[in-house]
Amino acid sequence: MKNRFTAFLAHLALSGLVAALAIYIVFFVWYPAPLHTAVGVTQIFLMLLAIDITIGPVITLIIYKPNKPSLKFDLTVIALLQLTALCYGMNTVFEGRPAFVVFNVDRFDVSRAHEIDPASAAKAEKNDNEPGKISWLQPKWVAAVGSKDPKRRQEILFSSVVGGADWPQLPELFVPLADIKKQMLERAKSLAELRKLHRKDPDILEELATWKDNEVKWLPLHAPAKDGVVLVDAHSATVIQSLDIKPWP
């Protein structure tokens, strides 16, 4: 029984190390805060991870016998099944990661990897449009501008009307945020307005007290699970930080 419990602890410790690496990749690379909350991946991913890292060691605890002839084979099968389940979960999370945070007219929109229009992504690659190239790592902060081609503008309009791809899902339209600095600053709102919106929440007011009104403005962040705000420099329009604060009344 002692050997069985030792094997269980060893398997659990190894699974924990793998889980720690997975957590780092998901929450610090693919879904940097607060995007994991905005997209709604936190609970689902942690639940899948908890199941995956515990079920393998538990099976090891049940089947482990030091002198069992097929022990190595059994442990190998368990490890492979556990790794396969982890890879499947990680791939699902990877496909749903925020590929871009796109400034769109008067707000930022989170665009997940599986929402990006493949044809538009291919066009961005072909035209060597760096802002429109999907990264395997952290999401890119970009802006979307209208197409210069009237026919293409009309196609995009019709697509958006019927629920198809719109500006935030079309990498061919992406440009660096610096290119639309003036528009961003015109659309950005004062911190005083955000404080007024949350005047009954002392925690949010304390968080916002870090920044000065004449130095920072904000824009709404629209996301699938939970909206937030993006703080930008009041003079350069450089993105400072995104916050898990409701931008709407």
C-alpha atoms as a PDB file:
ATOM      1  CA  MET A   1       0.000   0.000   0.000  1.00  0.00           C
ATOM      2  CA  LYS A   2       2.906   2.324   0.797  1.00  0.00           C
ATOM      3  CA  ASN A   3       4.425   1.831  -2.691  1.00  0.00           C
ATOM      4  CA  ARG A   4       1.041   2.437  -4.294  1.00  0.00           C
ATOM      5  CA  PHE A   5       0.566   5.705  -2.390  1.00  0.00           C
ATOM      6  CA  THR A   6       4.103   6.812  -3.253  1.00  0.00           C
ATOM      7  CA  ALA A   7       3.421   6.155  -6.941  1.00  0.00           C
ATOM      8  CA  PHE A   8       0.192   8.141  -6.634  1.00  0.00           C
ATOM      9  CA  LEU A   9       2.008  11.120  -5.096  1.00  0.00           C
ATOM     10  CA  ALA A  10       4.769  10.983  -7.710  1.00  0.00           C
ATOM     11  CA  HIS A  11       2.238  10.902 -10.552  1.00  0.00           C
ATOM     12  CA  LEU A  12       0.237  13.724  -8.941  1.00  0.00           C
ATOM     13  CA  ALA A  13       3.369  15.869  -8.513  1.00  0.00           C
ATOM     14  CA  LEU A  14       4.366  15.359 -12.154  1.00  0.00           C
ATOM     15  CA  SER A  15       0.823  16.143 -13.292  1.00  0.00           C
ATOM     16  CA  GLY A  16       0.921  19.272 -11.134  1.00  0.00           C
ATOM     17  CA  LEU A  17       4.083  20.508 -12.838  1.00  0.00           C
ATOM     18  CA  VAL A  18       2.536  19.988 -16.269  1.00  0.00           C
ATOM     19  CA  ALA A  19      -0.640  21.764 -15.080  1.00  0.00           C
ATOM     20  CA  ALA A  20       1.409  24.719 -13.801  1.00  0.00           C
ATOM     21  CA  LEU A  21       3.018  25.076 -17.230  1.00  0.00           C
ATOM     22  CA  ALA A  22      -0.405  24.883 -18.907  1.00  0.00           C
ATOM     23  CA  ILE A  23      -1.786  27.554 -16.555  1.00  0.00           C
ATOM     24  CA  TYR A  24       1.126  29.858 -17.315  1.00  0.00           C
ATOM     25  CA  ILE A  25       0.663  29.464 -21.090  1.00  0.00           C
ATOM     26  CA  VAL A  26      -3.095  30.058 -20.923  1.00  0.00           C
ATOM     27  CA  PHE A  27      -3.327  32.907 -18.407  1.00  0.00           C
ATOM     28  CA  PHE A  28      -0.079  34.748 -19.066  1.00  0.00           C
ATOM     29  CA  VAL A  29       0.472  34.201 -22.801  1.00  0.00           C
ATOM     30  CA  TRP A  30      -2.766  33.411 -24.660  1.00  0.00           C
ATOM     31  CA  TYR A  31      -5.256  35.086 -22.301  1.00  0.00           C
ATOM     32  CA  PRO A  32      -3.424  37.839 -20.363  1.00  0.00           C
ATOM     33  CA  ALA A  33      -5.588  39.441 -17.668  1.00  0.00           C
ATOM     34  CA  PRO A  34      -8.317  40.519 -17.843  1.00  0.00           C
ATOM     35  CA  LEU A  35      -8.929  38.842 -21.232  1.00  0.00           C
ATOM     36  CA  HIS A  36      -9.414  35.406 -19.646  1.00  0.00           C
ATOM     37  CA  THR A  37     -12.391  36.874 -17.778  1.00  0.00           C
ATOM     38  CA  ALA A  38     -13.599  38.840 -20.802  1.00  0.00           C
ATOM     39  CA  VAL A  39     -13.636  35.729 -22.983  1.00  0.00           C
ATOM     40  CA  GLY A  40     -14.939  33.441 -20.218  1.00  0.00           C
ATOM     41  CA  VAL A  41     -12.286  30.730 -20.375  1.00  0.00           C
ATOM     42  CA  THR A  42     -11.261  30.591 -16.705  1.00  0.00           C
ATOM     43  CA  GLN A  43     -13.805  28.211 -15.154  1.00  0.00           C
ATOM     44  CA  ILE A  44     -13.999  25.854 -18.129  1.00  0.00           C
ATOM     45  CA  PHE A  45     -10.230  25.527 -18.470  1.00  0.00           C
ATOM     46  CA  LEU A  46      -9.573  25.055 -14.746  1.00  0.00           C
ATOM     47  CA  MET A  47     -12.306  22.421 -14.527  1.00  0.00           C
ATOM     48  CA  LEU A  48     -10.871  20.470 -17.472  1.00  0.00           C
ATOM     49  CA  LEU A  49      -7.373  20.800 -16.048  1.00  0.00           C
ATOM     50  CA  ALA A  50      -8.424  19.643 -12.579  1.00  0.00           C
ATOM     51  CA  ILE A  51     -10.097  16.551 -14.019  1.00  0.00           C
ATOM     52  CA  ASP A  52      -7.109  15.762 -16.215  1.00  0.00           C
ATOM     53  CA  ILE A  53      -4.429  16.092 -13.535  1.00  0.00           C
ATOM     54  CA  THR A  54      -6.346  14.082 -10.914  1.00  0.00           C
ATOM     55  CA  ILE A  55      -7.814  11.197 -12.904  1.00  0.00           C
ATOM     56  CA  GLY A  56      -4.408   9.851 -14.014  1.00  0.00           C
ATOM     57  CA  PRO A  57      -2.905   9.659 -10.480  1.00  0.00           C
ATOM     58  CA  VAL A  58      -6.140   8.146  -9.141  1.00  0.00           C
ATOM     59  CA  ILE A  59      -5.995   5.358 -11.753  1.00  0.00           C
ATOM     60  CA  THR A  60      -2.324   4.836 -10.844  1.00  0.00           C
ATOM     61  CA  LEU A  61      -3.352   4.471  -7.183  1.00  0.00           C
ATOM     62  CA  ILE A  62      -5.894   1.819  -8.144  1.00  0.00           C
ATOM     63  CA  ILE A  63      -3.804  -0.331 -10.520  1.00  0.00           C
ATOM     64  CA  TYR A  64      -0.281   0.044  -9.079  1.00  0.00           C
ATOM     65  CA  LYS A  65       1.383  -3.185  -7.935  1.00  0.00           C
ATOM     66  CA  PRO A  66       5.206  -3.270  -7.737  1.00  0.00           C
ATOM     67  CA  ASN A  67       5.578  -6.817  -9.150  1.00  0.00           C
ATOM     68  CA  LYS A  68       2.854  -6.583 -11.769  1.00  0.00           C
ATOM     69  CA  PRO A  69       4.295  -7.761 -15.169  1.00  0.00           C
ATOM     70  CA  SER A  70       2.338  -5.216 -17.213  1.00  0.00           C
ATOM     71  CA  LEU A  71       2.922  -2.284 -14.847  1.00  0.00           C
ATOM     72  CA  LYS A  72       5.140  -0.292 -17.223  1.00  0.00           C
ATOM     73  CA  PHE A  73       2.677  -0.788 -20.064  1.00  0.00           C
ATOM     74  CA  ASP A  74      -0.291   0.211 -17.884  1.00  0.00           C
ATOM     75  CA  LEU A  75       1.437   3.373 -16.629  1.00  0.00           C
ATOM     76  CA  THR A  76       2.481   4.288 -20.165  1.00  0.00           C
ATOM     77  CA  VAL A  77      -1.106   3.943 -21.396  1.00  0.00           C
ATOM     78  CA  ILE A  78      -2.388   6.073 -18.499  1.00  0.00           C
ATOM     79  CA  ALA A  79       0.209   8.774 -19.201  1.00  0.00           C
ATOM     80  CA  LEU A  80      -0.598   8.777 -22.943  1.00  0.00           C
ATOM     81  CA  LEU A  81      -4.342   9.047 -22.303  1.00  0.00           C
ATOM     82  CA  GLN A  82      -3.763  11.832 -19.805  1.00  0.00           C
ATOM     83  CA  LEU A  83      -1.480  13.676 -22.232  1.00  0.00           C
ATOM     84  CA  THR A  84      -3.975  13.243 -25.079  1.00  0.00           C
ATOM     85  CA  ALA A  85      -6.778  14.711 -22.967  1.00  0.00           C
ATOM     86  CA  LEU A  86      -4.551  17.643 -21.977  1.00  0.00           C
ATOM     87  CA  CYS A  87      -3.537  18.302 -25.586  1.00  0.00           C
ATOM     88  CA  TYR A  88      -7.177  18.232 -26.691  1.00  0.00           C
ATOM     89  CA  GLY A  89      -8.141  20.731 -23.989  1.00  0.00           C
ATOM     90  CA  MET A  90      -5.175  22.994 -24.729  1.00  0.00           C
ATOM     91  CA  ASN A  91      -5.952  22.927 -28.460  1.00  0.00           C
ATOM     92  CA  THR A  92      -9.559  23.943 -27.777  1.00  0.00           C
ATOM     93  CA  VAL A  93      -8.378  26.821 -25.576  1.00  0.00           C
ATOM     94  CA  PHE A  94      -5.784  27.775 -28.207  1.00  0.00           C
ATOM     95  CA  GLU A  95      -8.416  27.978 -30.955  1.00  0.00           C
ATOM     96  CA  GLY A  96     -10.588  30.198 -28.771  1.00  0.00           C
ATOM     97  CA  ARG A  97      -7.786  32.527 -27.659  1.00  0.00           C
ATOM     98  CA  PRO A  98      -8.042  36.295 -28.284  1.00  0.00           C
ATOM     99  CA  ALA A  99      -6.000  36.651 -31.476  1.00  0.00           C
ATOM    100  CA  PHE A 100      -6.627  40.396 -31.766  1.00  0.00           C
ATOM    101  CA  VAL A 101      -7.963  43.259 -29.679  1.00  0.00           C
ATOM    102  CA  VAL A 102      -9.264  45.558 -32.384  1.00  0.00           C
ATOM    103  CA  PHE A 103     -10.087  49.251 -32.164  1.00  0.00           C
ATOM    104  CA  ASN A 104     -13.301  49.506 -34.143  1.00  0.00           C
ATOM    105  CA  VAL A 105     -14.748  53.019 -34.670  1.00  0.00           C
ATOM    106  CA  ASP A 106     -15.262  53.920 -30.989  1.00  0.00           C
ATOM    107  CA  ARG A 107     -14.358  50.848 -28.936  1.00  0.00           C
ATOM    108  CA  PHE A 108     -12.124  47.803 -28.745  1.00  0.00           C
ATOM    109  CA  ASP A 109     -13.431  44.388 -29.759  1.00  0.00           C
ATOM    110  CA  VAL A 110     -11.913  41.042 -28.759  1.00  0.00           C
ATOM    111  CA  SER A 111     -11.581  38.774 -31.806  1.00  0.00           C
ATOM    112  CA  ARG A 112     -10.936  35.105 -31.039  1.00  0.00           C
ATOM    113  CA  ALA A 113      -8.792  32.989 -33.342  1.00  0.00           C
ATOM    114  CA  HIS A 114     -11.650  30.804 -34.570  1.00  0.00           C
ATOM    115  CA  GLU A 115     -13.715  33.903 -35.449  1.00  0.00           C
ATOM    116  CA  ILE A 116     -11.119  35.319 -37.849  1.00  0.00           C
ATOM    117  CA  ASP A 117     -12.146  35.097 -41.504  1.00  0.00           C
ATOM    118  CA  PRO A 118      -9.690  32.646 -43.163  1.00  0.00           C
ATOM    119  CA  ALA A 119      -9.796  34.354 -46.575  1.00  0.00           C
ATOM    120  CA  SER A 120      -9.110  37.746 -45.042  1.00  0.00           C
ATOM    121  CA  ALA A 121      -6.283  36.299 -42.929  1.00  0.00           C
ATOM    122  CA  ALA A 122      -4.756  34.776 -46.073  1.00  0.00           C
ATOM    123  CA  LYS A 123      -5.043  38.143 -47.823  1.00  0.00           C
ATOM    124  CA  ALA A 124      -3.239  39.855 -44.934  1.00  0.00           C
ATOM    125  CA  GLU A 125      -0.439  37.272 -45.147  1.00  0.00           C
ATOM    126  CA  LYS A 126      -0.194  37.669 -48.922  1.00  0.00           C
ATOM    127  CA  ASN A 127       0.000  41.459 -48.662  1.00  0.00           C
ATOM    128  CA  ASP A 128       2.560  41.164 -45.835  1.00  0.00           C
ATOM    129  CA  ASN A 129       0.269  43.181 -43.583  1.00  0.00           C
ATOM    130  CA  GLU A 130       2.107  42.698 -40.275  1.00  0.00           C
ATOM    131  CA  PRO A 131      -0.725  43.931 -37.979  1.00  0.00           C
ATOM    132  CA  GLY A 132      -3.051  41.379 -39.615  1.00  0.00           C
ATOM    133  CA  LYS A 133      -0.812  38.353 -39.094  1.00  0.00           C
ATOM    134  CA  ILE A 134      -2.121  36.052 -36.367  1.00  0.00           C
ATOM    135  CA  SER A 135       0.366  35.434 -33.565  1.00  0.00           C
ATOM    136  CA  TRP A 136       0.773  32.122 -31.754  1.00  0.00           C
ATOM    137  CA  LEU A 137       1.505  34.016 -28.562  1.00  0.00           C
ATOM    138  CA  GLN A 138      -0.178  37.055 -27.038  1.00  0.00           C
ATOM    139  CA  PRO A 139      -3.062  38.879 -28.752  1.00  0.00           C
ATOM    140  CA  LYS A 140      -2.188  41.798 -31.012  1.00  0.00           C
ATOM    141  CA  TRP A 141      -3.589  45.270 -30.342  1.00  0.00           C
ATOM    142  CA  VAL A 142      -4.550  46.747 -33.708  1.00  0.00           C
ATOM    143  CA  ALA A 143      -7.115  48.974 -35.401  1.00  0.00           C
ATOM    144  CA  ALA A 144      -9.538  48.191 -38.227  1.00  0.00           C
ATOM    145  CA  VAL A 145     -10.151  50.724 -40.999  1.00  0.00           C
ATOM    146  CA  GLY A 146     -12.522  50.620 -43.950  1.00  0.00           C
ATOM    147  CA  SER A 147     -11.398  49.088 -47.227  1.00  0.00           C
ATOM    148  CA  LYS A 148     -10.376  51.501 -49.984  1.00  0.00           C
ATOM    149  CA  ASP A 149     -12.197  49.316 -52.506  1.00  0.00           C
ATOM    150  CA  PRO A 150     -15.905  50.333 -52.734  1.00  0.00           C
ATOM    151  CA  LYS A 151     -16.906  46.834 -53.855  1.00  0.00           C
ATOM    152  CA  ARG A 152     -15.124  45.261 -50.909  1.00  0.00           C
ATOM    153  CA  ARG A 153     -16.730  47.752 -48.511  1.00  0.00           C
ATOM    154  CA  GLN A 154     -20.137  46.702 -49.804  1.00  0.00           C
ATOM    155  CA  GLU A 155     -19.280  42.997 -49.408  1.00  0.00           C
ATOM    156  CA  ILE A 156     -18.242  43.568 -45.799  1.00  0.00           C
ATOM    157  CA  LEU A 157     -21.413  45.539 -45.097  1.00  0.00           C
ATOM    158  CA  PHE A 158     -23.635  42.748 -46.437  1.00  0.00           C
ATOM    159  CA  SER A 159     -21.614  40.164 -44.510  1.00  0.00           C
ATOM    160  CA  SER A 160     -22.039  42.003 -41.215  1.00  0.00           C
ATOM    161  CA  VAL A 161     -25.779  42.449 -41.771  1.00  0.00           C
ATOM    162  CA  VAL A 162     -26.349  38.693 -42.107  1.00  0.00           C
ATOM    163  CA  GLY A 163     -24.129  37.853 -39.129  1.00  0.00           C
ATOM    164  CA  GLY A 164     -20.909  37.174 -41.031  1.00  0.00           C
ATOM    165  CA  ALA A 165     -17.442  38.636 -40.581  1.00  0.00           C
ATOM    166  CA  ASP A 166     -17.233  42.341 -39.753  1.00  0.00           C
ATOM    167  CA  TRP A 167     -14.258  44.683 -39.358  1.00  0.00           C
ATOM    168  CA  PRO A 168     -12.860  43.062 -36.159  1.00  0.00           C
ATOM    169  CA  GLN A 169     -12.676  39.642 -37.881  1.00  0.00           C
ATOM    170  CA  LEU A 170     -10.990  40.834 -41.081  1.00  0.00           C
ATOM    171  CA  PRO A 171      -7.171  41.051 -40.736  1.00  0.00           C
ATOM    172  CA  GLU A 172      -6.866  42.595 -44.215  1.00  0.00           C
ATOM    173  CA  LEU A 173      -8.263  45.797 -42.651  1.00  0.00           C
ATOM    174  CA  PHE A 174      -5.906  45.926 -39.682  1.00  0.00           C
ATOM    175  CA  VAL A 175      -3.410  48.744 -39.177  1.00  0.00           C
ATOM    176  CA  PRO A 176      -1.201  49.780 -36.242  1.00  0.00           C
ATOM    177  CA  LEU A 177      -2.992  51.715 -33.499  1.00  0.00           C
ATOM    178  CA  ALA A 178      -0.603  54.624 -34.093  1.00  0.00           C
ATOM    179  CA  ASP A 179      -2.192  55.137 -37.526  1.00  0.00           C
ATOM    180  CA  ILE A 180      -5.542  56.129 -36.007  1.00  0.00           C
ATOM    181  CA  LYS A 181      -4.250  57.996 -32.960  1.00  0.00           C
ATOM    182  CA  LYS A 182      -6.408  61.058 -33.676  1.00  0.00           C
ATOM    183  CA  GLN A 183      -9.615  59.019 -33.959  1.00  0.00           C
ATOM    184  CA  MET A 184      -8.869  57.120 -30.758  1.00  0.00           C
ATOM    185  CA  LEU A 185      -8.344  60.308 -28.762  1.00  0.00           C
ATOM    186  CA  GLU A 186     -11.498  61.859 -30.211  1.00  0.00           C
ATOM    187  CA  ARG A 187     -13.554  58.824 -29.163  1.00  0.00           C
ATOM    188  CA  ALA A 188     -11.859  58.250 -25.802  1.00  0.00           C
ATOM    189  CA  LYS A 189     -13.713  59.341 -22.682  1.00  0.00           C
ATOM    190  CA  SER A 190     -12.522  61.042 -19.519  1.00  0.00           C
ATOM    191  CA  LEU A 191     -11.805  59.169 -16.303  1.00  0.00           C
ATOM    192  CA  ALA A 192     -14.258  61.498 -14.573  1.00  0.00           C
ATOM    193  CA  GLU A 193     -17.043  59.890 -16.597  1.00  0.00           C
ATOM    194  CA  LEU A 194     -15.925  56.392 -15.578  1.00  0.00           C
ATOM    195  CA  ARG A 195     -15.728  57.421 -11.927  1.00  0.00           C
ATOM    196  CA  LYS A 196     -19.212  58.863 -12.160  1.00  0.00           C
ATOM    197  CA  LEU A 197     -20.498  55.599 -13.638  1.00  0.00           C
ATOM    198  CA  HIS A 198     -19.066  53.650 -10.672  1.00  0.00           C
ATOM    199  CA  ARG A 199     -19.478  56.286  -7.967  1.00  0.00           C
ATOM    200  CA  LYS A 200     -21.129  53.711  -5.641  1.00  0.00           C
ATOM    201  CA  ASP A 201     -18.280  51.204  -5.907  1.00  0.00           C
ATOM    202  CA  PRO A 202     -15.373  52.227  -3.617  1.00  0.00           C
ATOM    203  CA  ASP A 203     -13.087  49.434  -4.872  1.00  0.00           C
ATOM    204  CA  ILE A 204     -13.289  50.648  -8.482  1.00  0.00           C
ATOM    205  CA  LEU A 205     -12.873  54.270  -7.414  1.00  0.00           C
ATOM    206  CA  GLU A 206      -9.750  53.296  -5.472  1.00  0.00           C
ATOM    207  CA  GLU A 207      -8.375  51.453  -8.512  1.00  0.00           C
ATOM    208  CA  LEU A 208      -9.016  54.431 -10.794  1.00  0.00           C
ATOM    209  CA  ALA A 209      -7.378  56.819  -8.328  1.00  0.00           C
ATOM    210  CA  THR A 210      -4.010  55.557  -9.599  1.00  0.00           C
ATOM    211  CA  TRP A 211      -4.360  57.632 -12.778  1.00  0.00           C
ATOM    212  CA  LYS A 212      -4.786  61.373 -13.347  1.00  0.00           C
ATOM    213  CA  ASP A 213      -7.598  62.745 -15.498  1.00  0.00           C
ATOM    214  CA  ASN A 214      -5.325  64.841 -17.692  1.00  0.00           C
ATOM    215  CA  GLU A 215      -2.987  61.919 -18.406  1.00  0.00           C
ATOM    216  CA  VAL A 216      -5.347  59.010 -19.092  1.00  0.00           C
ATOM    217  CA  LYS A 217      -8.552  58.412 -21.048  1.00  0.00           C
ATOM    218  CA  TRP A 218     -10.534  55.230 -21.608  1.00  0.00           C
ATOM    219  CA  LEU A 219     -12.438  53.304 -24.262  1.00  0.00           C
ATOM    220  CA  PRO A 220     -14.946  50.436 -23.926  1.00  0.00           C
ATOM    221  CA  LEU A 221     -13.774  46.859 -24.463  1.00  0.00           C
ATOM    222  CA  HIS A 222     -16.415  44.556 -25.935  1.00  0.00           C
ATOM    223  CA  ALA A 223     -15.888  40.830 -25.366  1.00  0.00           C
ATOM    224  CA  PRO A 224     -17.950  37.601 -25.607  1.00  0.00           C
ATOM    225  CA  ALA A 225     -18.378  36.972 -21.862  1.00  0.00           C
ATOM    226  CA  LYS A 226     -17.716  40.253 -20.061  1.00  0.00           C
ATOM    227  CA  ASP A 227     -17.041  43.786 -21.234  1.00  0.00           C
ATOM    228  CA  GLY A 228     -14.304  45.961 -19.772  1.00  0.00           C
ATOM    229  CA  VAL A 229     -12.387  49.180 -20.324  1.00  0.00           C
ATOM    230  CA  VAL A 230      -9.069  50.029 -21.942  1.00  0.00           C
ATOM    231  CA  LEU A 231      -6.984  52.871 -20.560  1.00  0.00           C
ATOM    232  CA  VAL A 232      -5.025  54.903 -23.105  1.00  0.00           C
ATOM    233  CA  ASP A 233      -2.539  57.729 -22.802  1.00  0.00           C
ATOM    234  CA  ALA A 234      -4.400  61.027 -23.169  1.00  0.00           C
ATOM    235  CA  HIS A 235      -1.726  62.418 -25.501  1.00  0.00           C
ATOM    236  CA  SER A 236      -0.205  59.516 -27.457  1.00  0.00           C
ATOM    237  CA  ALA A 237      -3.217  57.142 -27.426  1.00  0.00           C
ATOM    238  CA  THR A 238      -0.860  54.333 -26.379  1.00  0.00           C
ATOM    239  CA  VAL A 239      -2.664  51.477 -24.632  1.00  0.00           C
ATOM    240  CA  ILE A 240      -1.756  51.519 -20.936  1.00  0.00           C
ATOM    241  CA  GLN A 241      -3.859  48.747 -19.460  1.00  0.00           C
ATOM    242  CA  SER A 242      -7.158  46.920 -19.784  1.00  0.00           C
ATOM    243  CA  LEU A 243      -9.357  46.653 -16.693  1.00  0.00           C
ATOM    244  CA  ASP A 244     -12.170  44.373 -15.601  1.00  0.00           C
ATOM    245  CA  ILE A 245     -14.577  47.277 -15.122  1.00  0.00           C
ATOM    246  CA  LYS A 246     -18.022  47.568 -16.719  1.00  0.00           C
ATOM    247  CA  PRO A 247     -18.025  50.377 -19.330  1.00  0.00           C
ATOM    248  CA  TRP A 248     -21.787  50.634 -19.746  1.00  0.00           C
ATOM    249  CA  PRO A 249     -24.484  52.162 -17.524  1.00  0.00           C
END
